[in-house]
Amino acid sequence: MSQAILDKVEKAHLKETPPEFEIGDTVDVHLRILEGNKERIQVFTGVVIAKSGSGTREMFSVRRIVAGEGVERKFPLHSPKIERVEVKRSGVVRRAKLYFLRGRVGKAVRLKERRRS
């Protein structure tokens, strides 16, 4: 009984059309940033290295290289602060988690591009 109540409450906070992307895709995550009383959009571009959770607790991790350092950030998929997620390119991967990219440097970080038809 309590699970049914939880599902009903969570359903109100889910996005109707969550963004569709896969592990290994290079994405642009458009975030709403509030500075004082102004709101602006900030874009975080990187490779999706992991997805976890389900329902309102669903998260995805994006990794990018900034000034030679790897930067990872986790985003809640159904957050109202995320305006949209654009897929720039799709990568060919054979794993669910791409944590091995943390140990790679330079061109070794790149993934093969998946052809879409």
Protein backbone atom coordinates (compact mmCIF):
# COMPACT_ATOMS: atom_id res chain seq x y z
CA MET A 1 0.00 0.00 0.00
CA SER A 2 2.73 2.48 0.89
CA GLN A 3 4.53 1.74 -2.40
CA ALA A 4 1.42 2.76 -4.34
CA ILE A 5 1.31 6.08 -2.49
CA LEU A 6 5.01 6.68 -3.20
CA ASP A 7 4.53 5.92 -6.90
CA LYS A 8 1.64 8.38 -7.09
CA VAL A 9 3.67 11.17 -5.45
CA GLU A 10 6.73 10.48 -7.64
CA LYS A 11 4.67 10.41 -10.83
CA ALA A 12 3.76 14.09 -10.34
CA HIS A 13 7.45 15.07 -10.41
CA LEU A 14 8.56 13.02 -13.44
CA LYS A 15 9.09 14.74 -16.79
CA GLU A 16 6.54 13.75 -19.43
CA THR A 17 9.22 13.25 -22.06
CA PRO A 18 12.60 12.57 -20.45
CA PRO A 19 15.60 13.17 -22.72
CA GLU A 20 16.77 10.12 -24.67
CA PHE A 21 20.48 9.38 -24.74
CA GLU A 22 22.77 6.41 -24.21
CA ILE A 23 25.99 5.70 -22.36
CA GLY A 24 28.88 6.94 -24.51
CA ASP A 25 26.95 9.77 -26.15
CA THR A 26 28.45 13.25 -26.18
CA VAL A 27 25.75 15.55 -24.84
CA ASP A 28 25.08 19.22 -24.11
CA VAL A 29 23.26 19.59 -20.78
CA HIS A 30 21.48 22.96 -20.62
CA LEU A 31 21.13 24.03 -16.97
CA ARG A 32 19.17 26.92 -15.50
CA ILE A 33 21.47 28.93 -13.23
CA LEU A 34 20.00 31.49 -10.82
CA GLU A 35 22.29 34.45 -10.08
CA GLY A 36 20.62 36.93 -7.75
CA ASN A 37 17.28 37.62 -9.41
CA LYS A 38 18.49 36.79 -12.94
CA GLU A 39 18.25 33.39 -14.56
CA ARG A 40 20.55 32.18 -17.34
CA ILE A 41 21.33 28.97 -19.19
CA GLN A 42 24.73 27.31 -18.77
CA VAL A 43 25.81 24.45 -21.04
CA PHE A 44 27.88 21.51 -19.75
CA THR A 45 29.26 19.43 -22.64
CA GLY A 46 30.75 15.98 -22.15
CA VAL A 47 30.47 12.21 -22.50
CA VAL A 48 27.81 10.28 -20.56
CA ILE A 49 29.79 7.73 -18.54
CA ALA A 50 27.05 6.31 -16.28
CA LYS A 51 23.33 6.15 -15.56
CA SER A 52 21.90 5.04 -12.24
CA GLY A 53 18.68 4.92 -10.26
CA SER A 54 15.08 4.88 -11.36
CA GLY A 55 12.03 7.08 -11.09
CA THR A 56 12.67 10.52 -9.62
CA ARG A 57 16.07 9.35 -8.34
CA GLU A 58 17.43 8.62 -11.83
CA MET A 59 20.87 10.23 -12.33
CA PHE A 60 23.45 10.42 -15.12
CA SER A 61 27.14 11.31 -14.98
CA VAL A 62 28.85 13.46 -17.62
CA ARG A 63 32.63 13.75 -17.96
CA ARG A 64 34.65 16.34 -19.84
CA ILE A 65 38.23 17.61 -19.95
CA VAL A 66 38.86 21.21 -18.88
CA ALA A 67 42.41 22.62 -19.01
CA GLY A 68 43.87 19.11 -18.98
CA GLU A 69 41.85 18.01 -15.93
CA GLY A 70 38.92 15.63 -16.00
CA VAL A 71 35.68 17.09 -14.60
CA GLU A 72 32.68 14.89 -13.80
CA ARG A 73 29.25 16.04 -12.82
CA LYS A 74 26.12 14.10 -11.85
CA PHE A 75 22.72 15.38 -12.92
CA PRO A 76 19.24 14.28 -11.79
CA LEU A 77 17.38 13.35 -14.98
CA HIS A 78 13.99 14.71 -13.88
CA SER A 79 15.27 17.94 -12.30
CA PRO A 80 13.40 21.13 -13.24
CA LYS A 81 16.80 22.89 -13.42
CA ILE A 82 17.71 20.86 -16.52
CA GLU A 83 16.12 22.58 -19.49
CA ARG A 84 17.17 20.06 -22.14
CA VAL A 85 19.80 17.50 -23.08
CA GLU A 86 21.06 17.55 -26.69
CA VAL A 87 22.91 14.58 -28.16
CA LYS A 88 25.86 15.83 -30.22
CA ARG A 89 27.31 12.46 -31.23
CA SER A 90 26.83 8.82 -30.30
CA GLY A 91 29.69 6.59 -29.24
CA VAL A 92 30.14 2.85 -29.71
CA VAL A 93 30.45 1.25 -26.26
CA ARG A 94 30.26 -2.27 -24.88
CA ARG A 95 29.85 -1.44 -21.20
CA ALA A 96 27.21 0.11 -18.95
CA LYS A 97 29.74 2.24 -17.03
CA LEU A 98 32.66 3.99 -18.72
CA TYR A 99 34.79 4.59 -15.61
CA PHE A 100 37.86 3.34 -17.52
CA LEU A 101 37.93 6.72 -19.32
CA ARG A 102 39.18 8.29 -16.08
CA GLY A 103 42.57 6.69 -16.57
CA ARG A 104 42.95 7.75 -20.19
CA VAL A 105 44.62 10.87 -21.56
CA GLY A 106 44.54 12.70 -24.90
CA LYS A 107 43.24 10.91 -27.97
CA ALA A 108 42.72 7.68 -26.01
CA VAL A 109 39.65 9.29 -24.40
CA ARG A 110 37.77 9.44 -27.72
CA LEU A 111 35.14 6.84 -28.56
CA LYS A 112 34.24 5.54 -32.02
CA GLU A 113 31.16 7.19 -33.44
CA ARG A 114 28.02 5.11 -33.90
CA ARG A 115 26.45 5.41 -37.35
CA ARG A 116 22.72 6.16 -37.25
CA SER A 117 20.53 5.24 -40.17
